[in-house]
């Protein structure tokens, strides 16, 4: 459950974001997997070696043979703890399935020490047909299919050559064991996953279980192998079986922000605490919700005599500009009570807060 807190306002009610319509039908031959690869990080012209730069999640795309366009530049700063902040994601706020670039950067880490300003990283897009896509990218997309299910061509590329695990009649799970996800360490802002490969003996007992691919969460890898070994299937010797588990991200809380009053515009005529005649419509920036990244924004605005808000602008937002854009929509959707002359220089802080979710889950493999 997602909670939204609008400071200096009445308690707010969350409403779900509008559903994204499915893409139009296209030729299967034009589909593939799109990934954005980060390049070197420069801060004030000096190379900075990261502890970890999280790769954006792969996406299914249409138009594999089209020009993929130039690299995307993302500008940001690094605080003394090594966290990327003040991420200017405007260059990725469009098409080309670039929505996860800035959230992935927000989940990255750099060495602690002196804060750094003027940082830039370029992301280059690479699109491949399913048969040419690295298997780990295909598996990652199949577990988190954000823009449509992986088609049969993708599953063919995933399957191990010579595997008969999915030959009909397919072995059915009699006992499916899952790891105790709540006891496993997670990664802030990262959806960890592991793909376990195994065979079945003639009694339907998993043998030769091992980690095939994953995000490098060794505890999840080990727990996945243990869970598969304890599972049981219908009696039938098979080879090349696979099963994934994933763990939800550890919530990445927003950094501390300034007192909104310190940013109040000069000459403000807005009351310190005002009621809403039309309460704000609140939605969470979805790419950050998927990675469980929280944020905030401080918004300034004016109010017309009839109560509508206008001249809306972001004064500060963290960890990325997306929270400012979303907060502007929050204020734009609201209205104050009518007044004789309206107000100028109003200010509000909008906090985007996530409740704790499930620790992890299994992901049924499709044939």
Protein backbone atom coordinates (compact mmCIF):
# COMPACT_ATOMS: atom_id res chain seq x y z
CA UNK A 1 0.00 0.00 0.00
CA UNK A 2 1.45 3.34 -0.97
CA UNK A 3 1.04 6.31 1.35
CA UNK A 4 1.39 9.90 0.28
CA UNK A 5 1.86 12.75 2.73
CA UNK A 6 1.16 16.31 1.70
CA UNK A 7 2.64 18.61 4.32
CA UNK A 8 0.72 21.75 5.22
CA UNK A 9 -2.50 20.20 3.99
CA UNK A 10 -5.25 17.87 5.05
CA UNK A 11 -4.53 14.13 5.08
CA UNK A 12 -4.43 12.90 1.51
CA UNK A 13 -5.99 9.87 -0.14
CA UNK A 14 -3.98 7.83 -2.65
CA UNK A 15 -5.51 6.92 -5.99
CA UNK A 16 -4.07 4.44 -8.47
CA UNK A 17 -2.31 5.65 -11.58
CA UNK A 18 -4.09 5.19 -14.90
CA UNK A 19 -3.45 1.88 -16.60
CA UNK A 20 -0.98 1.98 -19.49
CA UNK A 21 -2.63 0.77 -22.71
CA UNK A 22 -1.03 -2.23 -24.41
CA UNK A 23 1.23 -1.53 -27.41
CA UNK A 24 -0.30 -1.86 -30.87
CA UNK A 25 0.12 -5.17 -32.75
CA UNK A 26 3.43 -5.37 -34.59
CA UNK A 27 5.36 -7.92 -36.52
CA UNK A 28 7.06 -10.39 -34.12
CA UNK A 29 10.26 -9.97 -36.13
CA UNK A 30 10.49 -6.30 -35.08
CA UNK A 31 10.59 -7.02 -31.34
CA UNK A 32 13.63 -7.39 -29.14
CA UNK A 33 15.18 -6.40 -25.82
CA UNK A 34 16.40 -2.88 -25.09
CA UNK A 35 19.06 -2.18 -22.46
CA UNK A 36 20.73 1.07 -21.43
CA UNK A 37 24.41 0.70 -20.54
CA UNK A 38 26.05 3.33 -18.30
CA UNK A 39 29.38 4.81 -19.28
CA UNK A 40 32.12 6.40 -17.13
CA UNK A 41 31.10 8.86 -14.41
CA UNK A 42 32.71 12.29 -14.43
CA UNK A 43 32.38 14.86 -11.63
CA UNK A 44 33.75 18.32 -12.41
CA UNK A 45 35.70 16.70 -15.23
CA UNK A 46 37.32 14.05 -13.02
CA UNK A 47 36.60 10.32 -13.36
CA UNK A 48 34.90 8.81 -10.31
CA UNK A 49 34.97 5.06 -9.80
CA UNK A 50 31.64 3.79 -8.42
CA UNK A 51 31.11 1.05 -5.86
CA UNK A 52 28.13 -0.08 -7.92
CA UNK A 53 26.29 1.44 -10.85
CA UNK A 54 22.95 -0.30 -11.19
CA UNK A 55 21.95 -1.14 -14.73
CA UNK A 56 18.47 -0.10 -15.81
CA UNK A 57 16.05 -3.00 -16.17
CA UNK A 58 15.79 -4.44 -19.69
CA UNK A 59 12.65 -3.65 -21.63
CA UNK A 60 10.91 -5.24 -24.57
CA UNK A 61 10.94 -2.92 -27.54
CA UNK A 62 9.56 -2.61 -31.03
CA UNK A 63 11.53 -1.56 -34.07
CA UNK A 64 14.80 -3.42 -33.54
CA UNK A 65 16.24 -2.18 -36.84
CA UNK A 66 15.52 1.50 -36.21
CA UNK A 67 18.14 4.08 -35.27
CA UNK A 68 18.41 3.86 -31.49
CA UNK A 69 19.34 7.52 -31.07
CA UNK A 70 22.18 9.25 -29.25
CA UNK A 71 23.32 8.51 -25.68
CA UNK A 72 21.38 10.10 -22.82
CA UNK A 73 23.26 12.34 -20.38
CA UNK A 74 22.14 12.28 -16.74
CA UNK A 75 23.46 14.98 -14.42
CA UNK A 76 23.56 14.69 -10.63
CA UNK A 77 25.62 15.23 -7.49
CA UNK A 78 27.07 12.80 -4.96
CA UNK A 79 26.69 13.44 -1.23
CA UNK A 80 29.31 12.69 1.42
CA UNK A 81 27.87 9.20 1.94
CA UNK A 82 28.32 8.35 -1.74
CA UNK A 83 24.65 8.61 -2.69
CA UNK A 84 23.60 10.09 -6.06
CA UNK A 85 21.17 12.96 -5.50
CA UNK A 86 19.55 15.88 -7.34
CA UNK A 87 19.31 13.65 -10.39
CA UNK A 88 18.26 15.60 -13.47
CA UNK A 89 16.30 12.93 -15.31
CA UNK A 90 14.71 15.26 -17.87
CA UNK A 91 16.74 13.72 -20.71
CA UNK A 92 15.27 10.30 -19.87
CA UNK A 93 11.74 11.58 -19.36
CA UNK A 94 10.44 10.44 -22.71
CA UNK A 95 10.31 7.42 -24.97
CA UNK A 96 12.88 4.78 -25.82
CA UNK A 97 12.05 2.85 -22.64
CA UNK A 98 14.45 5.05 -20.64
CA UNK A 99 12.23 5.43 -17.58
CA UNK A 100 14.41 3.22 -15.36
CA UNK A 101 17.69 5.03 -16.03
CA UNK A 102 17.37 7.62 -13.26
CA UNK A 103 15.87 5.21 -10.68
CA UNK A 104 18.75 2.78 -11.37
CA UNK A 105 21.24 5.60 -10.86
CA UNK A 106 19.47 6.57 -7.62
CA UNK A 107 20.09 3.01 -6.37
CA UNK A 108 23.81 3.19 -7.26
CA UNK A 109 26.58 3.94 -4.81
CA UNK A 110 29.93 5.74 -4.83
CA UNK A 111 32.71 5.83 -2.25
CA UNK A 112 31.97 7.94 0.83
CA UNK A 113 34.07 11.02 1.42
CA UNK A 114 33.91 14.53 0.11
CA UNK A 115 30.69 15.49 -1.64
CA UNK A 116 30.98 15.91 -5.40
CA UNK A 117 29.16 18.30 -7.72
CA UNK A 118 28.74 18.55 -11.48
CA UNK A 119 28.55 14.79 -12.11
CA UNK A 120 27.50 13.31 -15.46
CA UNK A 121 27.05 9.80 -16.79
CA UNK A 122 26.05 8.88 -20.35
CA UNK A 123 23.80 5.91 -21.07
CA UNK A 124 23.94 4.22 -24.47
CA UNK A 125 21.08 2.10 -25.77
CA UNK A 126 21.59 -1.38 -27.18
CA UNK A 127 18.74 -3.29 -28.81
CA UNK A 128 19.00 -6.93 -29.81
CA UNK A 129 16.65 -9.52 -31.23
CA UNK A 130 15.64 -12.21 -28.77
CA UNK A 131 18.00 -14.79 -30.29
CA UNK A 132 20.94 -12.40 -29.88
CA UNK A 133 20.07 -11.08 -26.39
CA UNK A 134 22.19 -12.25 -23.43
CA UNK A 135 20.22 -14.88 -21.51
CA UNK A 136 20.45 -13.01 -18.20
CA UNK A 137 18.71 -10.00 -19.78
CA UNK A 138 15.94 -12.23 -21.13
CA UNK A 139 15.46 -13.87 -17.73
CA UNK A 140 15.44 -10.51 -15.93
CA UNK A 141 12.75 -9.26 -18.30
CA UNK A 142 10.69 -12.46 -17.96
CA UNK A 143 10.61 -12.04 -14.17
CA UNK A 144 9.66 -8.35 -14.33
CA UNK A 145 7.75 -7.95 -17.63
CA UNK A 146 6.84 -4.29 -17.30
CA UNK A 147 5.67 -3.72 -20.89
CA UNK A 148 4.18 -7.03 -22.03
CA UNK A 149 4.91 -10.73 -21.50
CA UNK A 150 8.02 -12.23 -23.03
CA UNK A 151 6.97 -13.85 -26.33
CA UNK A 152 7.75 -17.39 -27.39
CA UNK A 153 10.87 -16.26 -29.29
CA UNK A 154 12.30 -15.00 -26.01
CA UNK A 155 11.49 -18.22 -24.16
CA UNK A 156 13.17 -20.24 -26.90
CA UNK A 157 16.36 -18.25 -26.36
CA UNK A 158 16.19 -18.84 -22.59
CA UNK A 159 15.74 -22.61 -22.70
CA UNK A 160 18.82 -24.72 -22.23
CA UNK A 161 19.79 -26.62 -25.41
CA UNK A 162 18.80 -30.27 -25.11
CA UNK A 163 16.42 -29.63 -22.20
CA UNK A 164 13.36 -31.86 -22.04
CA UNK A 165 11.94 -30.33 -18.84
CA UNK A 166 9.07 -28.64 -20.64
CA UNK A 167 8.27 -31.55 -22.96
CA UNK A 168 4.63 -32.60 -22.60
CA UNK A 169 3.43 -33.94 -20.32
CA UNK A 170 5.31 -31.41 -18.24
CA UNK A 171 6.27 -32.44 -14.68
CA UNK A 172 3.97 -30.80 -12.17
CA UNK A 173 5.08 -29.38 -8.82
CA UNK A 174 3.75 -31.48 -5.96
CA UNK A 175 5.61 -29.50 -3.29
CA UNK A 176 6.96 -26.07 -4.17
CA UNK A 177 9.27 -24.73 -1.45
CA UNK A 178 10.13 -21.03 -1.23
CA UNK A 179 12.94 -19.33 0.66
CA UNK A 180 12.15 -17.42 3.85
CA UNK A 181 12.53 -14.10 2.07
CA UNK A 182 12.09 -12.01 5.22
CA UNK A 183 15.33 -13.47 6.59
CA UNK A 184 17.34 -12.78 3.45
CA UNK A 185 19.31 -9.56 3.01
CA UNK A 186 18.08 -7.34 0.21
CA UNK A 187 19.57 -4.49 -1.76
CA UNK A 188 18.28 -0.90 -1.50
CA UNK A 189 16.53 0.04 -4.71
CA UNK A 190 17.29 -3.27 -6.49
CA UNK A 191 14.95 -6.15 -7.34
CA UNK A 192 17.27 -9.08 -6.72
CA UNK A 193 16.57 -12.38 -8.50
CA UNK A 194 18.14 -15.78 -8.98
CA UNK A 195 17.52 -18.44 -11.62
CA UNK A 196 18.08 -21.96 -10.33
CA UNK A 197 18.85 -24.75 -12.81
CA UNK A 198 18.21 -28.40 -11.88
CA UNK A 199 17.37 -31.84 -13.23
CA UNK A 200 14.77 -34.35 -12.01
CA UNK A 201 15.42 -37.98 -11.22
CA UNK A 202 12.85 -40.64 -12.08
CA UNK A 203 11.10 -40.09 -8.74
CA UNK A 204 10.65 -36.38 -9.42
CA UNK A 205 13.34 -35.27 -6.95
CA UNK A 206 15.48 -32.27 -7.99
CA UNK A 207 19.17 -33.06 -8.45
CA UNK A 208 22.20 -31.01 -9.47
CA UNK A 209 20.53 -27.76 -8.36
CA UNK A 210 22.76 -24.75 -8.97
CA UNK A 211 22.56 -21.01 -9.58
CA UNK A 212 22.48 -20.30 -13.30
CA UNK A 213 22.05 -16.51 -13.43
CA UNK A 214 21.19 -13.78 -10.96
CA UNK A 215 21.87 -10.31 -9.62
CA UNK A 216 24.66 -11.48 -7.32
CA UNK A 217 22.71 -11.73 -4.04
CA UNK A 218 24.59 -14.75 -2.69
CA UNK A 219 22.15 -15.32 0.18
CA UNK A 220 19.23 -15.44 -2.25
CA UNK A 221 21.21 -17.75 -4.57
CA UNK A 222 21.91 -20.20 -1.73
CA UNK A 223 18.34 -20.05 -0.42
CA UNK A 224 17.00 -20.65 -3.94
CA UNK A 225 19.14 -23.76 -4.40
CA UNK A 226 18.04 -25.07 -1.00
CA UNK A 227 14.36 -24.40 -1.80
CA UNK A 228 14.56 -26.20 -5.15
CA UNK A 229 16.24 -29.22 -3.58
CA UNK A 230 13.38 -29.48 -1.08
CA UNK A 231 10.67 -29.25 -3.77
CA UNK A 232 9.05 -32.34 -5.31
CA UNK A 233 7.57 -33.00 -8.75
CA UNK A 234 5.62 -35.72 -10.50
CA UNK A 235 7.76 -38.78 -11.24
CA UNK A 236 9.60 -38.28 -14.52
CA UNK A 237 13.32 -37.98 -15.16
CA UNK A 238 14.06 -34.64 -16.85
CA UNK A 239 17.02 -32.39 -17.60
CA UNK A 240 17.45 -28.64 -17.96
CA UNK A 241 14.71 -27.46 -15.58
CA UNK A 242 14.81 -23.88 -14.32
CA UNK A 243 12.98 -21.90 -11.67
CA UNK A 244 13.42 -18.27 -10.51
CA UNK A 245 12.99 -16.54 -7.16
CA UNK A 246 13.12 -12.82 -6.57
CA UNK A 247 13.34 -10.51 -3.60
CA UNK A 248 11.71 -7.11 -3.41
CA UNK A 249 14.08 -4.16 -2.93
CA UNK A 250 15.00 -2.82 0.45
CA UNK A 251 13.25 0.53 0.70
CA UNK A 252 15.53 3.44 -0.14
CA UNK A 253 14.33 6.30 2.06
CA UNK A 254 14.50 9.89 0.92
CA UNK A 255 17.35 12.09 2.15
CA UNK A 256 16.67 14.84 4.63
CA UNK A 257 15.48 18.08 3.12
CA UNK A 258 15.48 21.74 4.10
CA UNK A 259 12.75 23.40 6.12
CA UNK A 260 10.18 24.52 3.52
CA UNK A 261 9.90 27.87 5.26
CA UNK A 262 13.52 28.57 4.38
CA UNK A 263 12.48 28.54 0.72
CA UNK A 264 9.29 30.58 1.03
CA UNK A 265 9.25 33.28 -1.69
CA UNK A 266 9.74 36.86 -0.57
CA UNK A 267 6.51 38.78 -0.21
CA UNK A 268 4.40 35.67 0.29
CA UNK A 269 0.76 36.41 1.16
CA UNK A 270 -0.21 32.75 1.61
CA UNK A 271 -1.46 31.55 5.02
CA UNK A 272 0.85 29.15 6.82
CA UNK A 273 -1.83 26.49 7.11
CA UNK A 274 -4.67 26.51 4.61
CA UNK A 275 -7.50 24.10 3.90
CA UNK A 276 -8.18 22.52 0.51
CA UNK A 277 -11.52 23.04 -1.24
CA UNK A 278 -10.57 20.30 -3.70
CA UNK A 279 -8.18 17.81 -2.25
CA UNK A 280 -5.06 16.84 -4.20
CA UNK A 281 -4.97 13.80 -6.46
CA UNK A 282 -1.90 11.83 -5.46
CA UNK A 283 0.02 9.31 -7.55
CA UNK A 284 3.51 7.89 -7.09
CA UNK A 285 6.16 8.12 -9.85
CA UNK A 286 5.93 4.52 -10.97
CA UNK A 287 9.55 3.85 -12.02
CA UNK A 288 10.64 4.80 -8.49
CA UNK A 289 7.84 2.79 -6.88
CA UNK A 290 9.09 -0.37 -8.62
CA UNK A 291 12.49 0.11 -7.00
CA UNK A 292 10.92 1.25 -3.68
CA UNK A 293 12.69 4.61 -3.77
CA UNK A 294 11.10 7.36 -1.70
CA UNK A 295 11.35 11.08 -2.37
CA UNK A 296 10.04 14.54 -1.68
CA UNK A 297 9.60 17.91 -3.34
CA UNK A 298 9.05 21.47 -2.13
CA UNK A 299 6.62 23.27 -4.41
CA UNK A 300 5.80 26.98 -4.67
CA UNK A 301 2.59 28.23 -6.25
CA UNK A 302 0.00 31.00 -6.33
CA UNK A 303 -3.76 30.77 -5.82
CA UNK A 304 -6.36 32.64 -7.87
CA UNK A 305 -9.29 34.33 -6.08
CA UNK A 306 -11.56 31.47 -7.22
CA UNK A 307 -9.17 28.93 -5.64
CA UNK A 308 -7.30 27.39 -8.58
CA UNK A 309 -3.56 26.93 -8.24
CA UNK A 310 -1.11 28.36 -10.77
CA UNK A 311 2.47 29.52 -11.33
CA UNK A 312 3.51 26.12 -9.94
CA UNK A 313 7.24 25.46 -9.73
CA UNK A 314 9.63 23.11 -7.96
CA UNK A 315 12.02 24.74 -5.50
CA UNK A 316 13.80 21.53 -4.47
CA UNK A 317 13.34 17.80 -5.04
CA UNK A 318 15.23 14.66 -4.04
CA UNK A 319 16.55 12.23 -5.04
CA UNK A 320 15.45 13.09 -8.57
CA UNK A 321 13.58 15.71 -10.54
CA UNK A 322 10.75 13.23 -11.21
CA UNK A 323 9.46 13.79 -7.68
CA UNK A 324 9.22 17.50 -8.40
CA UNK A 325 7.28 16.93 -11.61
CA UNK A 326 4.91 14.57 -9.83
CA UNK A 327 4.46 16.96 -6.91
CA UNK A 328 3.60 19.77 -9.33
CA UNK A 329 0.79 17.58 -10.65
CA UNK A 330 -0.38 17.02 -7.08
CA UNK A 331 -0.66 20.77 -6.47
CA UNK A 332 -2.19 21.37 -9.91
CA UNK A 333 -4.99 18.92 -9.15
CA UNK A 334 -6.01 20.75 -5.97
CA UNK A 335 -7.86 23.97 -5.23
CA UNK A 336 -8.11 26.30 -2.24
CA UNK A 337 -11.30 27.97 -1.00
CA UNK A 338 -12.26 31.13 -2.85
CA UNK A 339 -10.91 34.36 -1.38
CA UNK A 340 -11.14 38.08 -2.04
CA UNK A 341 -7.81 38.47 -3.81
CA UNK A 342 -6.09 35.06 -3.87
CA UNK A 343 -2.58 34.40 -2.62
CA UNK A 344 0.99 34.47 -3.85
CA UNK A 345 4.06 32.63 -2.66
CA UNK A 346 2.34 29.54 -1.25
CA UNK A 347 4.61 26.64 -0.42
CA UNK A 348 4.06 22.95 0.31
CA UNK A 349 6.24 19.90 0.74
CA UNK A 350 5.02 16.68 -0.83
CA UNK A 351 6.52 13.46 0.52
CA UNK A 352 6.30 10.21 -1.40
CA UNK A 353 6.36 7.38 1.14
CA UNK A 354 6.10 3.62 0.61
CA UNK A 355 4.78 1.12 3.10
CA UNK A 356 6.85 -2.01 3.62
CA UNK A 357 6.01 -4.62 0.99
CA UNK A 358 6.54 -8.35 0.75
CA UNK A 359 10.11 -9.52 1.03
CA UNK A 360 10.12 -11.65 -2.10
CA UNK A 361 8.34 -14.15 -4.31
CA UNK A 362 8.68 -16.97 -6.74
CA UNK A 363 8.13 -16.39 -10.45
CA UNK A 364 6.45 -19.16 -12.41
CA UNK A 365 8.39 -19.98 -15.55
CA UNK A 366 6.34 -20.03 -18.73
CA UNK A 367 6.77 -22.43 -21.62
